[in-house]
């Protein structure tokens, strides 16, 4: 048999029942009709199953820092009221 590309001699190899022709000159590999499908089928039977897909990492939660709350109305207290200091502040306003 001669190579269709370079016209050198070809050898026939038997691989698990599939006949493969290889050129001695250009080292090209030639398959007859259906041989590629037969090789693919044999390869799938012999190959181990693929590993399971990797587990996706858990979604990261991003926290947005809020600005510090600003004081209310007036100075030093809620709605402009001052804190009374001690027990005397309850009885005396000044």
N, C-alpha and C. Protein backbone atom coordinates (compact mmCIF):
# COMPACT_ATOMS: atom_id res chain seq x y z
N UNK A 1 0.86 -1.18 0.00
CA UNK A 1 0.00 0.00 0.00
C UNK A 1 0.90 1.24 0.00
N UNK A 2 0.50 2.26 -0.71
CA UNK A 2 1.30 3.49 -0.80
C UNK A 2 0.55 4.65 -0.13
N UNK A 3 1.35 5.56 0.47
CA UNK A 3 0.81 6.75 1.14
C UNK A 3 0.17 7.66 0.10
N UNK A 4 -1.05 8.15 0.37
CA UNK A 4 -1.69 9.07 -0.57
C UNK A 4 -1.03 10.45 -0.59
N UNK A 5 -0.21 10.75 0.40
CA UNK A 5 0.42 12.07 0.49
C UNK A 5 1.80 12.09 -0.18
N UNK A 6 2.70 11.15 0.25
CA UNK A 6 4.07 11.19 -0.26
C UNK A 6 4.44 9.95 -1.09
N UNK A 7 3.54 9.02 -1.23
CA UNK A 7 3.69 7.80 -2.04
C UNK A 7 4.76 6.84 -1.52
N UNK A 8 5.11 6.95 -0.22
CA UNK A 8 6.03 5.98 0.40
C UNK A 8 5.22 4.76 0.84
N UNK A 9 5.92 3.72 1.26
CA UNK A 9 5.25 2.51 1.74
C UNK A 9 4.57 2.76 3.08
N UNK A 10 3.48 2.03 3.31
CA UNK A 10 2.73 2.17 4.57
C UNK A 10 2.73 0.83 5.29
N UNK A 11 2.68 0.90 6.61
CA UNK A 11 2.58 -0.30 7.45
C UNK A 11 1.22 -0.32 8.12
N UNK A 12 0.73 -1.52 8.37
CA UNK A 12 -0.55 -1.68 9.06
C UNK A 12 -0.28 -2.18 10.47
N UNK A 13 -0.87 -1.50 11.45
CA UNK A 13 -0.76 -1.88 12.86
C UNK A 13 -2.15 -2.27 13.35
N UNK A 14 -2.18 -3.28 14.21
CA UNK A 14 -3.44 -3.71 14.81
C UNK A 14 -3.45 -3.24 16.26
N UNK A 15 -4.36 -2.36 16.59
CA UNK A 15 -4.51 -1.84 17.95
C UNK A 15 -5.88 -2.23 18.48
N UNK A 16 -5.92 -3.26 19.29
CA UNK A 16 -7.16 -3.75 19.92
C UNK A 16 -8.26 -3.98 18.87
N UNK A 17 -7.89 -4.58 17.77
CA UNK A 17 -8.87 -4.92 16.75
C UNK A 17 -9.11 -3.84 15.70
N UNK A 18 -8.46 -2.71 15.82
CA UNK A 18 -8.61 -1.62 14.86
C UNK A 18 -7.34 -1.56 14.03
N UNK A 19 -7.46 -1.60 12.71
CA UNK A 19 -6.32 -1.57 11.80
C UNK A 19 -5.98 -0.12 11.46
N UNK A 20 -4.74 0.27 11.78
CA UNK A 20 -4.26 1.63 11.55
C UNK A 20 -3.12 1.56 10.55
N UNK A 21 -3.16 2.39 9.52
CA UNK A 21 -2.08 2.47 8.54
C UNK A 21 -1.22 3.70 8.82
N UNK A 22 0.13 3.48 8.85
CA UNK A 22 1.05 4.59 9.08
C UNK A 22 2.10 4.57 7.98
N UNK A 23 2.39 5.77 7.47
CA UNK A 23 3.37 5.93 6.40
C UNK A 23 4.79 5.88 6.96
N UNK A 24 5.70 5.17 6.26
CA UNK A 24 7.10 5.13 6.68
C UNK A 24 7.83 6.42 6.33
N UNK A 25 7.35 7.16 5.34
CA UNK A 25 8.01 8.39 4.90
C UNK A 25 7.61 9.61 5.71
N UNK A 26 6.36 9.98 5.65
CA UNK A 26 5.90 11.21 6.33
C UNK A 26 5.33 10.94 7.71
N UNK A 27 5.23 9.68 8.13
CA UNK A 27 4.73 9.25 9.44
C UNK A 27 3.25 9.60 9.64
N UNK A 28 2.55 9.87 8.57
CA UNK A 28 1.12 10.16 8.64
C UNK A 28 0.34 8.91 9.03
N UNK A 29 -0.76 9.09 9.74
CA UNK A 29 -1.62 8.00 10.17
C UNK A 29 -2.92 8.11 9.37
N UNK A 30 -3.35 7.00 8.80
CA UNK A 30 -4.55 6.97 7.97
C UNK A 30 -5.50 5.91 8.50
N UNK A 31 -6.76 6.26 8.59
CA UNK A 31 -7.79 5.36 9.11
C UNK A 31 -8.83 5.12 8.03
N UNK A 32 -9.38 3.90 8.03
CA UNK A 32 -10.48 3.58 7.13
C UNK A 32 -11.79 4.06 7.77
N UNK A 33 -12.86 3.98 6.98
CA UNK A 33 -14.17 4.42 7.45
C UNK A 33 -14.56 3.69 8.74
N UNK A 34 -14.96 4.44 9.78
CA UNK A 34 -15.44 3.87 11.04
C UNK A 34 -14.36 3.56 12.04
N UNK A 35 -13.08 3.60 11.64
CA UNK A 35 -12.00 3.26 12.58
C UNK A 35 -11.80 4.33 13.64
N UNK A 36 -11.99 5.58 13.30
CA UNK A 36 -11.86 6.65 14.31
C UNK A 36 -12.92 6.49 15.39
N UNK A 37 -14.15 6.19 15.00
CA UNK A 37 -15.22 5.99 15.98
C UNK A 37 -14.92 4.78 16.85
N UNK A 38 -14.35 3.71 16.26
CA UNK A 38 -14.00 2.51 17.04
C UNK A 38 -12.91 2.82 18.06
N UNK A 39 -11.92 3.62 17.67
CA UNK A 39 -10.84 4.01 18.59
C UNK A 39 -11.41 4.87 19.72
N UNK A 40 -12.28 5.79 19.37
CA UNK A 40 -12.88 6.67 20.38
C UNK A 40 -13.70 5.86 21.38
N UNK A 41 -14.47 4.89 20.89
CA UNK A 41 -15.29 4.05 21.76
C UNK A 41 -14.42 3.22 22.70
N UNK A 42 -13.33 2.64 22.17
CA UNK A 42 -12.42 1.86 23.01
C UNK A 42 -11.74 2.73 24.06
N UNK A 43 -11.38 3.94 23.68
CA UNK A 43 -10.74 4.86 24.62
C UNK A 43 -11.68 5.21 25.77
N UNK A 44 -12.95 5.43 25.48
CA UNK A 44 -13.92 5.77 26.52
C UNK A 44 -14.14 4.61 27.47
N UNK A 45 -14.09 3.38 26.94
CA UNK A 45 -14.28 2.21 27.80
C UNK A 45 -13.10 2.01 28.73
N UNK A 46 -11.90 2.35 28.29
CA UNK A 46 -10.70 2.11 29.08
C UNK A 46 -10.35 3.27 30.03
N UNK A 47 -10.78 4.45 29.71
CA UNK A 47 -10.42 5.62 30.50
C UNK A 47 -11.23 5.64 31.80
N UNK A 48 -10.61 6.06 32.91
CA UNK A 48 -11.38 6.20 34.16
C UNK A 48 -12.37 7.35 34.03
N UNK A 49 -13.45 7.32 34.79
CA UNK A 49 -14.41 8.42 34.71
C UNK A 49 -13.75 9.72 35.14
N UNK A 50 -14.18 10.83 34.57
CA UNK A 50 -13.58 12.11 34.95
C UNK A 50 -13.90 12.44 36.40
N UNK A 51 -13.01 13.18 37.07
CA UNK A 51 -13.29 13.55 38.46
C UNK A 51 -14.48 14.49 38.52
N UNK A 52 -15.17 14.50 39.66
CA UNK A 52 -16.31 15.42 39.78
C UNK A 52 -15.82 16.86 39.72
N UNK A 53 -16.68 17.77 39.29
CA UNK A 53 -16.26 19.17 39.21
C UNK A 53 -15.96 19.71 40.61
N UNK A 54 -15.02 20.64 40.70
CA UNK A 54 -14.69 21.19 42.01
C UNK A 54 -15.87 21.95 42.61
N UNK A 55 -15.93 21.91 43.92
CA UNK A 55 -16.99 22.60 44.64
C UNK A 55 -16.66 24.09 44.67
N UNK A 56 -17.63 24.90 44.32
CA UNK A 56 -17.42 26.34 44.31
C UNK A 56 -17.26 26.85 45.74
N UNK A 57 -16.34 27.78 45.97
CA UNK A 57 -16.19 28.33 47.32
C UNK A 57 -17.45 29.12 47.70
N UNK A 58 -17.75 29.17 49.00
CA UNK A 58 -18.95 29.92 49.39
C UNK A 58 -18.80 31.39 49.03
N UNK A 59 -19.91 31.99 48.74
CA UNK A 59 -19.92 33.41 48.35
C UNK A 59 -19.44 34.26 49.53
N UNK A 60 -18.60 35.21 49.23
CA UNK A 60 -18.10 36.08 50.28
C UNK A 60 -19.06 37.24 50.47
N UNK A 61 -19.29 37.56 51.74
CA UNK A 61 -20.18 38.66 52.08
C UNK A 61 -19.31 39.90 52.28
N UNK A 62 -19.63 40.95 51.58
CA UNK A 62 -18.89 42.20 51.71
C UNK A 62 -19.74 43.18 52.52
N UNK A 63 -19.17 43.64 53.61
CA UNK A 63 -19.87 44.60 54.45
C UNK A 63 -19.41 46.00 54.09
N UNK A 64 -20.36 46.91 54.02
CA UNK A 64 -20.06 48.30 53.73
C UNK A 64 -20.09 49.05 55.04
N UNK A 65 -18.99 49.74 55.33
CA UNK A 65 -18.93 50.48 56.59
C UNK A 65 -19.77 51.74 56.46
N UNK A 66 -20.71 51.88 57.36
CA UNK A 66 -21.58 53.05 57.36
C UNK A 66 -20.89 54.18 58.13
N UNK A 67 -21.13 55.43 57.74
CA UNK A 67 -20.54 56.53 58.50
C UNK A 67 -21.10 56.57 59.91
N UNK A 68 -20.30 57.11 60.82
CA UNK A 68 -20.73 57.19 62.23
C UNK A 68 -21.94 58.11 62.32
N UNK A 69 -22.91 57.77 63.18
CA UNK A 69 -24.09 58.64 63.31
C UNK A 69 -23.69 60.00 63.88
N UNK A 70 -24.33 61.04 63.38
CA UNK A 70 -24.06 62.40 63.84
C UNK A 70 -24.97 62.71 65.02
N UNK A 71 -24.50 63.58 65.91
CA UNK A 71 -25.35 63.92 67.06
C UNK A 71 -26.61 64.65 66.60
N UNK A 72 -27.64 64.58 67.45
CA UNK A 72 -28.91 65.21 67.12
C UNK A 72 -28.82 66.72 67.24
N UNK A 73 -29.94 67.35 67.47
CA UNK A 73 -30.00 68.81 67.57
C UNK A 73 -29.24 69.27 68.77
N UNK A 74 -28.63 70.44 68.66
CA UNK A 74 -28.01 71.08 69.82
C UNK A 74 -26.68 70.46 70.19
N UNK A 75 -26.35 70.69 71.45
CA UNK A 75 -25.02 70.33 71.94
C UNK A 75 -25.10 69.22 72.96
N UNK A 76 -24.39 68.15 72.72
CA UNK A 76 -24.15 67.13 73.73
C UNK A 76 -25.32 66.28 74.13
N UNK A 77 -26.44 66.35 73.51
CA UNK A 77 -27.53 65.50 73.95
C UNK A 77 -28.59 65.36 72.90
N UNK A 78 -29.66 64.76 73.27
CA UNK A 78 -30.73 64.49 72.35
C UNK A 78 -31.66 65.69 72.28
N UNK A 79 -31.86 66.23 71.08
CA UNK A 79 -32.75 67.36 70.83
C UNK A 79 -32.42 68.58 71.67
N UNK A 80 -31.14 68.83 71.91
CA UNK A 80 -30.71 70.05 72.58
C UNK A 80 -30.83 70.01 74.09
N UNK A 81 -31.24 68.92 74.69
CA UNK A 81 -31.31 68.84 76.14
C UNK A 81 -29.96 68.44 76.69
N UNK A 82 -29.58 69.10 77.76
CA UNK A 82 -28.31 68.76 78.38
C UNK A 82 -28.54 67.72 79.46
N UNK A 83 -27.52 66.94 79.69
CA UNK A 83 -27.62 65.97 80.78
C UNK A 83 -27.44 66.71 82.09
N UNK A 84 -28.21 66.33 83.08
CA UNK A 84 -28.04 66.91 84.42
C UNK A 84 -26.97 66.10 85.12
N UNK A 85 -26.11 66.81 85.82
CA UNK A 85 -25.01 66.11 86.49
C UNK A 85 -25.36 65.90 87.95
N UNK A 86 -25.41 64.67 88.31
CA UNK A 86 -25.63 64.30 89.70
C UNK A 86 -27.06 64.54 90.15
N UNK A 87 -27.28 64.31 91.43
CA UNK A 87 -28.60 64.43 92.01
C UNK A 87 -29.03 65.89 92.16
N UNK A 88 -28.07 66.78 92.31
CA UNK A 88 -28.41 68.21 92.45
C UNK A 88 -29.01 68.79 91.17
N UNK A 89 -28.65 68.24 90.03
CA UNK A 89 -29.18 68.74 88.78
C UNK A 89 -30.67 68.48 88.64
N UNK A 90 -31.19 67.51 89.35
CA UNK A 90 -32.63 67.25 89.31
C UNK A 90 -33.41 68.38 89.99
N UNK A 91 -32.82 69.02 91.02
CA UNK A 91 -33.54 70.03 91.78
C UNK A 91 -33.18 71.44 91.36
N UNK A 92 -31.97 71.63 90.89
CA UNK A 92 -31.51 72.97 90.55
C UNK A 92 -31.18 73.03 89.07
N UNK A 93 -31.74 73.98 88.35
CA UNK A 93 -31.54 74.07 86.92
C UNK A 93 -30.28 74.85 86.53
N UNK A 94 -29.73 75.66 87.42
CA UNK A 94 -28.57 76.44 87.00
C UNK A 94 -27.31 75.98 87.68
